[in-house]
Amino acid sequence: MTFFRMVITACIAVTLFMACNNNNTGMKVIQREEEPDIYEVKEEDKIMNNAIATARQTLYLFKEALNSGADSLQSFSLKLRYDAPDGYGEHIWLNEVSLKDGVYTGIVNNEPNVIKQVKFGDTVTVNPDHISDWMYLANNKLRGGYTLRAIMEKMSPEERTKMQEQSGFIIE
């Protein structure tokens, strides 16, 4: 398992917007063997929708960092929304993101739960309208990762601490 896959696995590689709710945090957690947990969030969740809006509004920061070529910046990733058969969406992280002639490409970083359009390891071209988040590490500190932060906001202090420890990087 690559470093980046471990990082994303530890940091919630998939988020689904679905209309189910199993606990008082507004999230249902689906655990999968040898795959990252899935956190289902209601489609109308304000915190998550604000996180996605922030990610889209600040995508230029990701682009600037990616184009900088700085050695201190690594693990560039984009999260894309794919339509699921139930009418909602599954959000999948891509790693090894590159930008050429204004077009992002990346590699699907985990096995989807519901969607069939892509699978782990596929190289995909990014439709900018489907970007729901971005992240990279700057000197081992998370930049972006707004949906990850939204999920962590709903966790108990103990769960947040565990997530921070498992991630292997600093989430401020």
N, C-alpha and C. Protein backbone atom coordinates (compact mmCIF):
# COMPACT_ATOMS: atom_id res chain seq x y z
N MET A 1 0.86 -1.18 0.00
CA MET A 1 0.00 0.00 0.00
C MET A 1 0.90 1.24 0.00
N THR A 2 0.63 2.15 -0.91
CA THR A 2 1.44 3.35 -0.99
C THR A 2 1.18 4.26 0.19
N PHE A 3 2.12 5.17 0.44
CA PHE A 3 1.95 6.14 1.52
C PHE A 3 0.65 6.92 1.33
N PHE A 4 0.42 7.37 0.09
CA PHE A 4 -0.76 8.19 -0.15
C PHE A 4 -2.03 7.40 0.10
N ARG A 5 -2.10 6.15 -0.33
CA ARG A 5 -3.29 5.33 -0.09
C ARG A 5 -3.51 5.15 1.40
N MET A 6 -2.43 4.96 2.16
CA MET A 6 -2.57 4.83 3.60
C MET A 6 -3.11 6.11 4.20
N VAL A 7 -2.61 7.25 3.74
CA VAL A 7 -3.06 8.54 4.26
C VAL A 7 -4.54 8.72 4.00
N ILE A 8 -4.95 8.50 2.78
CA ILE A 8 -6.35 8.69 2.45
C ILE A 8 -7.21 7.66 3.16
N THR A 9 -6.76 6.42 3.26
CA THR A 9 -7.51 5.40 3.96
C THR A 9 -7.73 5.82 5.41
N ALA A 10 -6.69 6.33 6.03
CA ALA A 10 -6.80 6.77 7.42
C ALA A 10 -7.67 8.01 7.54
N CYS A 11 -7.83 8.73 6.46
CA CYS A 11 -8.55 10.00 6.51
C CYS A 11 -9.86 10.01 5.75
N ILE A 12 -10.53 8.88 5.73
CA ILE A 12 -11.86 8.81 5.17
C ILE A 12 -11.85 9.07 3.67
N ALA A 13 -11.58 8.06 2.94
CA ALA A 13 -11.45 8.20 1.49
C ALA A 13 -12.75 8.40 0.78
N VAL A 14 -13.84 8.01 1.34
CA VAL A 14 -15.10 8.10 0.63
C VAL A 14 -16.14 8.77 1.53
N THR A 15 -16.93 9.64 0.96
CA THR A 15 -18.07 10.20 1.67
C THR A 15 -19.28 10.07 0.76
N LEU A 16 -20.35 9.53 1.29
CA LEU A 16 -21.60 9.43 0.52
C LEU A 16 -22.60 10.43 1.07
N PHE A 17 -23.33 11.08 0.19
CA PHE A 17 -24.48 11.87 0.61
C PHE A 17 -25.69 10.97 0.42
N MET A 18 -26.30 10.58 1.51
CA MET A 18 -27.45 9.71 1.41
C MET A 18 -28.48 10.16 2.43
N ALA A 19 -29.68 9.67 2.29
CA ALA A 19 -30.77 10.12 3.15
C ALA A 19 -30.95 9.24 4.38
N CYS A 20 -29.92 8.56 4.82
CA CYS A 20 -30.08 7.76 6.03
C CYS A 20 -29.25 8.35 7.15
N ASN A 21 -29.62 8.00 8.36
CA ASN A 21 -29.03 8.64 9.52
C ASN A 21 -29.13 7.66 10.69
N ASN A 22 -27.99 7.15 11.15
CA ASN A 22 -28.03 6.13 12.20
C ASN A 22 -27.58 6.61 13.57
N ASN A 23 -27.16 7.86 13.72
CA ASN A 23 -26.72 8.29 15.03
C ASN A 23 -26.96 9.78 15.18
N ASN A 24 -26.65 10.31 16.35
CA ASN A 24 -26.95 11.71 16.61
C ASN A 24 -25.97 12.68 15.95
N THR A 25 -24.97 12.19 15.27
CA THR A 25 -24.04 13.08 14.57
C THR A 25 -24.55 13.38 13.17
N GLY A 26 -25.60 12.71 12.72
CA GLY A 26 -26.09 12.90 11.37
C GLY A 26 -25.34 12.03 10.36
N MET A 27 -24.48 11.14 10.85
CA MET A 27 -23.70 10.29 9.95
C MET A 27 -23.92 8.83 10.28
N LYS A 28 -23.95 8.03 9.24
CA LYS A 28 -23.94 6.58 9.38
C LYS A 28 -22.56 6.12 8.91
N VAL A 29 -21.91 5.28 9.67
CA VAL A 29 -20.58 4.80 9.31
C VAL A 29 -20.71 3.38 8.79
N ILE A 30 -20.17 3.15 7.61
CA ILE A 30 -20.13 1.81 7.02
C ILE A 30 -18.67 1.37 7.03
N GLN A 31 -18.41 0.28 7.72
CA GLN A 31 -17.05 -0.25 7.77
C GLN A 31 -16.91 -1.37 6.75
N ARG A 32 -15.77 -1.32 6.01
CA ARG A 32 -15.51 -2.32 4.98
C ARG A 32 -14.13 -2.92 5.23
N GLU A 33 -14.02 -4.21 5.05
CA GLU A 33 -12.76 -4.89 5.26
C GLU A 33 -11.72 -4.42 4.25
N GLU A 34 -10.57 -3.99 4.74
CA GLU A 34 -9.44 -3.53 3.93
C GLU A 34 -9.77 -2.34 3.03
N GLU A 35 -10.80 -1.61 3.37
CA GLU A 35 -11.16 -0.37 2.68
C GLU A 35 -11.48 0.66 3.75
N PRO A 36 -11.38 1.94 3.37
CA PRO A 36 -11.70 2.99 4.36
C PRO A 36 -13.17 2.98 4.73
N ASP A 37 -13.46 3.49 5.93
CA ASP A 37 -14.84 3.65 6.36
C ASP A 37 -15.53 4.64 5.43
N ILE A 38 -16.83 4.45 5.30
CA ILE A 38 -17.65 5.38 4.54
C ILE A 38 -18.55 6.10 5.54
N TYR A 39 -18.58 7.41 5.43
CA TYR A 39 -19.45 8.22 6.27
C TYR A 39 -20.57 8.75 5.40
N GLU A 40 -21.78 8.28 5.69
CA GLU A 40 -22.94 8.74 4.94
C GLU A 40 -23.47 10.00 5.61
N VAL A 41 -23.69 11.01 4.79
CA VAL A 41 -24.15 12.30 5.28
C VAL A 41 -25.39 12.68 4.49
N LYS A 42 -26.38 13.23 5.16
CA LYS A 42 -27.59 13.65 4.46
C LYS A 42 -27.23 14.67 3.38
N GLU A 43 -27.91 14.57 2.26
CA GLU A 43 -27.63 15.45 1.13
C GLU A 43 -27.83 16.92 1.49
N GLU A 44 -28.74 17.20 2.39
CA GLU A 44 -29.00 18.59 2.76
C GLU A 44 -28.15 19.07 3.95
N ASP A 45 -27.16 18.29 4.36
CA ASP A 45 -26.30 18.66 5.48
C ASP A 45 -25.57 19.98 5.19
N LYS A 46 -25.86 21.00 5.98
CA LYS A 46 -25.30 22.34 5.75
C LYS A 46 -23.79 22.38 5.90
N ILE A 47 -23.27 21.72 6.91
CA ILE A 47 -21.83 21.74 7.15
C ILE A 47 -21.09 21.13 5.96
N MET A 48 -21.58 19.99 5.48
CA MET A 48 -20.92 19.34 4.34
C MET A 48 -21.08 20.17 3.07
N ASN A 49 -22.25 20.71 2.84
CA ASN A 49 -22.46 21.52 1.65
C ASN A 49 -21.60 22.79 1.68
N ASN A 50 -21.43 23.38 2.85
CA ASN A 50 -20.53 24.53 2.98
C ASN A 50 -19.08 24.13 2.71
N ALA A 51 -18.70 22.94 3.16
CA ALA A 51 -17.34 22.45 2.93
C ALA A 51 -17.09 22.28 1.43
N ILE A 52 -18.04 21.72 0.73
CA ILE A 52 -17.91 21.53 -0.72
C ILE A 52 -17.84 22.89 -1.42
N ALA A 53 -18.68 23.82 -1.01
CA ALA A 53 -18.66 25.16 -1.61
C ALA A 53 -17.31 25.83 -1.38
N THR A 54 -16.77 25.70 -0.18
CA THR A 54 -15.45 26.28 0.12
C THR A 54 -14.38 25.64 -0.74
N ALA A 55 -14.42 24.33 -0.88
CA ALA A 55 -13.43 23.63 -1.72
C ALA A 55 -13.49 24.14 -3.15
N ARG A 56 -14.67 24.30 -3.67
CA ARG A 56 -14.81 24.77 -5.05
C ARG A 56 -14.34 26.21 -5.21
N GLN A 57 -14.64 27.04 -4.22
CA GLN A 57 -14.24 28.44 -4.28
C GLN A 57 -12.73 28.62 -4.15
N THR A 58 -12.07 27.67 -3.53
CA THR A 58 -10.63 27.80 -3.29
C THR A 58 -9.80 26.85 -4.14
N LEU A 59 -10.40 26.25 -5.15
CA LEU A 59 -9.69 25.31 -6.01
C LEU A 59 -8.44 25.95 -6.62
N TYR A 60 -8.47 27.24 -6.83
CA TYR A 60 -7.31 27.94 -7.39
C TYR A 60 -6.07 27.76 -6.49
N LEU A 61 -6.25 27.63 -5.19
CA LEU A 61 -5.12 27.41 -4.27
C LEU A 61 -4.48 26.05 -4.54
N PHE A 62 -5.31 25.05 -4.79
CA PHE A 62 -4.82 23.72 -5.14
C PHE A 62 -4.02 23.79 -6.44
N LYS A 63 -4.58 24.46 -7.42
CA LYS A 63 -3.92 24.58 -8.72
C LYS A 63 -2.57 25.28 -8.59
N GLU A 64 -2.52 26.37 -7.83
CA GLU A 64 -1.27 27.09 -7.62
C GLU A 64 -0.22 26.19 -6.96
N ALA A 65 -0.64 25.45 -5.95
CA ALA A 65 0.29 24.56 -5.24
C ALA A 65 0.77 23.45 -6.16
N LEU A 66 -0.14 22.86 -6.91
CA LEU A 66 0.22 21.78 -7.82
C LEU A 66 1.21 22.27 -8.88
N ASN A 67 0.98 23.44 -9.40
CA ASN A 67 1.86 24.01 -10.43
C ASN A 67 3.18 24.52 -9.89
N SER A 68 3.28 24.69 -8.57
CA SER A 68 4.50 25.28 -7.98
C SER A 68 5.71 24.36 -8.08
N GLY A 69 5.46 23.05 -8.03
CA GLY A 69 6.57 22.10 -8.07
C GLY A 69 7.40 22.07 -6.79
N ALA A 70 6.93 22.70 -5.74
CA ALA A 70 7.68 22.76 -4.48
C ALA A 70 7.84 21.38 -3.85
N ASP A 71 9.05 21.06 -3.43
CA ASP A 71 9.33 19.76 -2.80
C ASP A 71 8.58 19.57 -1.49
N SER A 72 8.24 20.66 -0.82
CA SER A 72 7.56 20.56 0.47
C SER A 72 6.08 20.24 0.32
N LEU A 73 5.57 20.23 -0.91
CA LEU A 73 4.16 19.93 -1.17
C LEU A 73 4.04 18.55 -1.79
N GLN A 74 3.12 17.74 -1.25
CA GLN A 74 2.99 16.36 -1.73
C GLN A 74 1.57 15.86 -1.55
N SER A 75 1.31 14.67 -2.06
CA SER A 75 0.04 13.96 -1.89
C SER A 75 -1.16 14.76 -2.38
N PHE A 76 -1.06 15.29 -3.58
CA PHE A 76 -2.16 16.05 -4.17
C PHE A 76 -3.32 15.12 -4.49
N SER A 77 -4.52 15.53 -4.11
CA SER A 77 -5.70 14.69 -4.29
C SER A 77 -6.92 15.55 -4.56
N LEU A 78 -7.81 15.05 -5.40
CA LEU A 78 -9.10 15.67 -5.65
C LEU A 78 -10.19 14.68 -5.30
N LYS A 79 -11.30 15.18 -4.81
CA LYS A 79 -12.46 14.35 -4.52
C LYS A 79 -13.54 14.68 -5.54
N LEU A 80 -14.10 13.64 -6.17
CA LEU A 80 -15.12 13.82 -7.20
C LEU A 80 -16.42 13.17 -6.78
N ARG A 81 -17.52 13.78 -7.20
CA ARG A 81 -18.85 13.21 -6.96
C ARG A 81 -19.27 12.43 -8.20
N TYR A 82 -19.69 11.20 -7.96
CA TYR A 82 -20.25 10.36 -9.01
C TYR A 82 -21.69 10.05 -8.64
N ASP A 83 -22.58 10.09 -9.63
CA ASP A 83 -23.98 9.77 -9.38
C ASP A 83 -24.12 8.29 -9.06
N ALA A 84 -24.89 8.01 -8.02
CA ALA A 84 -25.15 6.64 -7.59
C ALA A 84 -26.53 6.22 -8.08
N PRO A 85 -26.76 4.91 -8.20
CA PRO A 85 -28.05 4.42 -8.72
C PRO A 85 -29.26 4.88 -7.90
N ASP A 86 -29.06 5.16 -6.63
CA ASP A 86 -30.19 5.55 -5.78
C ASP A 86 -30.53 7.04 -5.91
N GLY A 87 -29.84 7.74 -6.80
CA GLY A 87 -30.14 9.15 -7.01
C GLY A 87 -29.27 10.09 -6.20
N TYR A 88 -28.52 9.57 -5.29
CA TYR A 88 -27.62 10.40 -4.50
C TYR A 88 -26.23 10.32 -5.14
N GLY A 89 -25.21 10.62 -4.38
CA GLY A 89 -23.88 10.61 -4.96
C GLY A 89 -22.86 9.97 -4.04
N GLU A 90 -21.84 9.41 -4.68
CA GLU A 90 -20.70 8.84 -3.94
C GLU A 90 -19.49 9.69 -4.29
N HIS A 91 -18.77 10.09 -3.26
CA HIS A 91 -17.61 10.96 -3.44
C HIS A 91 -16.34 10.14 -3.28
N ILE A 92 -15.49 10.19 -4.29
CA ILE A 92 -14.31 9.34 -4.38
C ILE A 92 -13.06 10.22 -4.49
N TRP A 93 -12.03 9.87 -3.72
CA TRP A 93 -10.75 10.58 -3.82
C TRP A 93 -9.92 10.02 -4.96
N LEU A 94 -9.26 10.91 -5.67
CA LEU A 94 -8.27 10.57 -6.68
C LEU A 94 -6.90 10.98 -6.15
N ASN A 95 -5.88 10.17 -6.41
CA ASN A 95 -4.52 10.57 -6.05
C ASN A 95 -3.70 10.71 -7.33
N GLU A 96 -2.44 11.01 -7.15
CA GLU A 96 -1.53 11.22 -8.28
C GLU A 96 -2.14 12.18 -9.30
N VAL A 97 -2.70 13.26 -8.78
CA VAL A 97 -3.37 14.24 -9.62
C VAL A 97 -2.34 15.04 -10.42
N SER A 98 -2.66 15.25 -11.69
CA SER A 98 -1.82 16.10 -12.54
C SER A 98 -2.73 17.06 -13.30
N LEU A 99 -2.12 18.12 -13.80
CA LEU A 99 -2.84 19.13 -14.57
C LEU A 99 -2.07 19.39 -15.84
N LYS A 100 -2.70 19.14 -16.97
CA LYS A 100 -2.06 19.36 -18.27
C LYS A 100 -3.08 20.01 -19.20
N ASP A 101 -2.67 21.12 -19.78
CA ASP A 101 -3.55 21.86 -20.70
C ASP A 101 -4.89 22.18 -20.06
N GLY A 102 -4.87 22.50 -18.76
CA GLY A 102 -6.09 22.88 -18.06
C GLY A 102 -6.99 21.75 -17.66
N VAL A 103 -6.54 20.49 -17.82
CA VAL A 103 -7.37 19.33 -17.50
C VAL A 103 -6.69 18.50 -16.40
N TYR A 104 -7.43 18.26 -15.32
CA TYR A 104 -6.92 17.41 -14.24
C TYR A 104 -7.16 15.94 -14.58
N THR A 105 -6.21 15.10 -14.23
CA THR A 105 -6.39 13.66 -14.25
C THR A 105 -5.90 13.11 -12.92
N GLY A 106 -6.37 11.93 -12.56
CA GLY A 106 -5.95 11.30 -11.32
C GLY A 106 -6.33 9.84 -11.32
N ILE A 107 -5.90 9.14 -10.27
CA ILE A 107 -6.13 7.71 -10.14
C ILE A 107 -7.09 7.47 -8.98
N VAL A 108 -8.14 6.69 -9.23
CA VAL A 108 -9.13 6.35 -8.20
C VAL A 108 -8.40 5.65 -7.06
N ASN A 109 -8.57 6.19 -5.85
CA ASN A 109 -7.75 5.77 -4.72
C ASN A 109 -8.42 4.77 -3.78
N ASN A 110 -9.63 4.36 -4.05
CA ASN A 110 -10.27 3.34 -3.23
C ASN A 110 -11.38 2.67 -4.03
N GLU A 111 -11.81 1.54 -3.55
CA GLU A 111 -12.87 0.80 -4.22
C GLU A 111 -14.21 1.47 -3.89
N PRO A 112 -14.94 1.91 -4.90
CA PRO A 112 -16.25 2.52 -4.63
C PRO A 112 -17.19 1.54 -3.93
N ASN A 113 -18.15 2.08 -3.23
CA ASN A 113 -19.11 1.25 -2.51
C ASN A 113 -20.32 0.91 -3.37
N VAL A 114 -20.84 1.89 -4.11
CA VAL A 114 -22.08 1.71 -4.84
C VAL A 114 -21.91 1.92 -6.34
N ILE A 115 -21.19 2.94 -6.71
CA ILE A 115 -21.10 3.31 -8.13
C ILE A 115 -20.31 2.28 -8.93
N LYS A 116 -20.59 2.25 -10.21
CA LYS A 116 -19.92 1.30 -11.11
C LYS A 116 -19.12 2.01 -12.20
N GLN A 117 -19.17 3.35 -12.24
CA GLN A 117 -18.50 4.10 -13.30
C GLN A 117 -16.98 3.96 -13.25
N VAL A 118 -16.44 3.82 -12.04
CA VAL A 118 -14.99 3.70 -11.87
C VAL A 118 -14.69 2.63 -10.84
N LYS A 119 -13.42 2.20 -10.83
CA LYS A 119 -12.97 1.25 -9.81
C LYS A 119 -11.57 1.65 -9.36
N PHE A 120 -11.13 1.06 -8.26
CA PHE A 120 -9.82 1.36 -7.71
C PHE A 120 -8.75 1.20 -8.80
N GLY A 121 -7.88 2.20 -8.89
CA GLY A 121 -6.77 2.15 -9.83
C GLY A 121 -7.05 2.73 -11.20
N ASP A 122 -8.31 3.03 -11.51
CA ASP A 122 -8.63 3.65 -12.80
C ASP A 122 -8.02 5.05 -12.88
N THR A 123 -7.51 5.39 -14.06
CA THR A 123 -7.09 6.76 -14.33
C THR A 123 -8.28 7.47 -14.95
N VAL A 124 -8.64 8.62 -14.38
CA VAL A 124 -9.82 9.34 -14.85
C VAL A 124 -9.50 10.79 -15.15
N THR A 125 -10.25 11.34 -16.08
CA THR A 125 -10.21 12.77 -16.37
C THR A 125 -11.27 13.44 -15.51
N VAL A 126 -10.93 14.58 -14.96
CA VAL A 126 -11.80 15.25 -13.99
C VAL A 126 -12.73 16.24 -14.68
N ASN A 127 -14.02 16.09 -14.41
CA ASN A 127 -15.01 17.10 -14.78
C ASN A 127 -15.01 18.11 -13.63
N PRO A 128 -14.58 19.35 -13.87
CA PRO A 128 -14.49 20.33 -12.77
C PRO A 128 -15.80 20.54 -12.02
N ASP A 129 -16.93 20.32 -12.69
CA ASP A 129 -18.23 20.48 -12.03
C ASP A 129 -18.48 19.40 -10.98
N HIS A 130 -17.69 18.32 -11.00
CA HIS A 130 -17.89 17.21 -10.06
C HIS A 130 -16.89 17.24 -8.90
N ILE A 131 -16.02 18.23 -8.87
CA ILE A 131 -15.06 18.33 -7.75
C ILE A 131 -15.80 18.73 -6.49
N SER A 132 -15.60 17.93 -5.43
CA SER A 132 -16.23 18.24 -4.15
C SER A 132 -15.21 18.56 -3.07
N ASP A 133 -13.93 18.32 -3.34
CA ASP A 133 -12.90 18.69 -2.36
C ASP A 133 -11.53 18.54 -3.01
N TRP A 134 -10.54 19.06 -2.33
CA TRP A 134 -9.14 18.92 -2.73
C TRP A 134 -8.31 18.91 -1.47
N MET A 135 -7.11 18.35 -1.59
CA MET A 135 -6.19 18.36 -0.45
C MET A 135 -4.78 18.10 -0.94
N TYR A 136 -3.84 18.53 -0.15
CA TYR A 136 -2.43 18.17 -0.32
C TYR A 136 -1.76 18.42 1.02
N LEU A 137 -0.55 17.94 1.15
CA LEU A 137 0.23 18.15 2.37
C LEU A 137 1.31 19.18 2.10
N ALA A 138 1.44 20.12 3.01
CA ALA A 138 2.50 21.13 2.96
C ALA A 138 3.31 20.96 4.25
N ASN A 139 4.53 20.45 4.11
CA ASN A 139 5.36 20.16 5.29
C ASN A 139 4.58 19.32 6.31
N ASN A 140 3.90 18.30 5.80
CA ASN A 140 3.13 17.34 6.59
C ASN A 140 1.89 17.93 7.26
N LYS A 141 1.44 19.10 6.80
CA LYS A 141 0.21 19.71 7.30
C LYS A 141 -0.84 19.69 6.19
N LEU A 142 -2.06 19.29 6.57
CA LEU A 142 -3.15 19.22 5.61
C LEU A 142 -3.54 20.61 5.12
N ARG A 143 -3.65 20.73 3.82
CA ARG A 143 -4.21 21.92 3.17
C ARG A 143 -5.45 21.47 2.42
N GLY A 144 -6.51 22.24 2.50
CA GLY A 144 -7.77 21.82 1.91
C GLY A 144 -8.40 20.76 2.80
N GLY A 145 -8.95 19.71 2.20
CA GLY A 145 -9.58 18.64 2.98
C GLY A 145 -10.80 19.13 3.73
N TYR A 146 -11.58 19.99 3.09
CA TYR A 146 -12.72 20.61 3.77
C TYR A 146 -13.80 19.60 4.15
N THR A 147 -14.04 18.60 3.31
CA THR A 147 -15.06 17.60 3.65
C THR A 147 -14.57 16.70 4.78
N LEU A 148 -13.29 16.42 4.81
CA LEU A 148 -12.69 15.67 5.92
C LEU A 148 -12.88 16.45 7.22
N ARG A 149 -12.62 17.73 7.17
CA ARG A 149 -12.79 18.57 8.36
C ARG A 149 -14.26 18.62 8.80
N ALA A 150 -15.19 18.64 7.83
CA ALA A 150 -16.62 18.65 8.15
C ALA A 150 -17.02 17.36 8.86
N ILE A 151 -16.49 16.24 8.40
CA ILE A 151 -16.78 14.96 9.05
C ILE A 151 -16.18 14.95 10.46
N MET A 152 -14.94 15.43 10.57
CA MET A 152 -14.29 15.44 11.88
C MET A 152 -15.03 16.34 12.87
N GLU A 153 -15.64 17.41 12.36
CA GLU A 153 -16.40 18.32 13.21
C GLU A 153 -17.55 17.60 13.90
N LYS A 154 -18.09 16.58 13.27
CA LYS A 154 -19.21 15.83 13.82
C LYS A 154 -18.78 14.71 14.77
N MET A 155 -17.49 14.43 14.80
CA MET A 155 -16.98 13.34 15.64
C MET A 155 -16.82 13.80 17.09
N SER A 156 -16.77 12.81 17.96
CA SER A 156 -16.48 13.10 19.36
C SER A 156 -15.00 13.51 19.47
N PRO A 157 -14.62 14.18 20.54
CA PRO A 157 -13.21 14.55 20.72
C PRO A 157 -12.28 13.33 20.64
N GLU A 158 -12.73 12.19 21.17
CA GLU A 158 -11.91 10.99 21.13
C GLU A 158 -11.72 10.50 19.69
N GLU A 159 -12.80 10.52 18.91
CA GLU A 159 -12.72 10.09 17.51
C GLU A 159 -11.82 11.02 16.70
N ARG A 160 -11.92 12.33 16.96
CA ARG A 160 -11.05 13.30 16.27
C ARG A 160 -9.59 13.05 16.59
N THR A 161 -9.31 12.79 17.86
CA THR A 161 -7.93 12.52 18.27
C THR A 161 -7.41 11.27 17.58
N LYS A 162 -8.22 10.22 17.53
CA LYS A 162 -7.82 8.98 16.87
C LYS A 162 -7.58 9.22 15.38
N MET A 163 -8.46 9.97 14.73
CA MET A 163 -8.29 10.28 13.31
C MET A 163 -6.99 11.04 13.08
N GLN A 164 -6.73 12.01 13.92
CA GLN A 164 -5.49 12.79 13.81
C GLN A 164 -4.27 11.89 13.95
N GLU A 165 -4.29 11.01 14.92
CA GLU A 165 -3.16 10.10 15.15
C GLU A 165 -2.97 9.14 13.97
N GLN A 166 -4.07 8.61 13.44
CA GLN A 166 -3.99 7.65 12.34
C GLN A 166 -3.57 8.27 11.03
N SER A 167 -3.84 9.55 10.85
CA SER A 167 -3.59 10.20 9.57
C SER A 167 -2.10 10.26 9.25
N GLY A 168 -1.26 10.45 10.26
CA GLY A 168 0.16 10.58 10.01
C GLY A 168 0.57 11.97 9.59
N PHE A 169 -0.36 12.90 9.57
CA PHE A 169 -0.03 14.29 9.26
C PHE A 169 -0.85 15.19 10.18
N ILE A 170 -0.57 16.47 10.12
CA ILE A 170 -1.20 17.44 11.02
C ILE A 170 -2.45 18.02 10.39
N ILE A 171 -3.56 17.92 11.10
CA ILE A 171 -4.82 18.50 10.66
C ILE A 171 -5.11 19.64 11.63
N GLU A 172 -4.93 20.85 11.15
CA GLU A 172 -5.11 22.02 12.03
C GLU A 172 -6.55 22.46 12.06
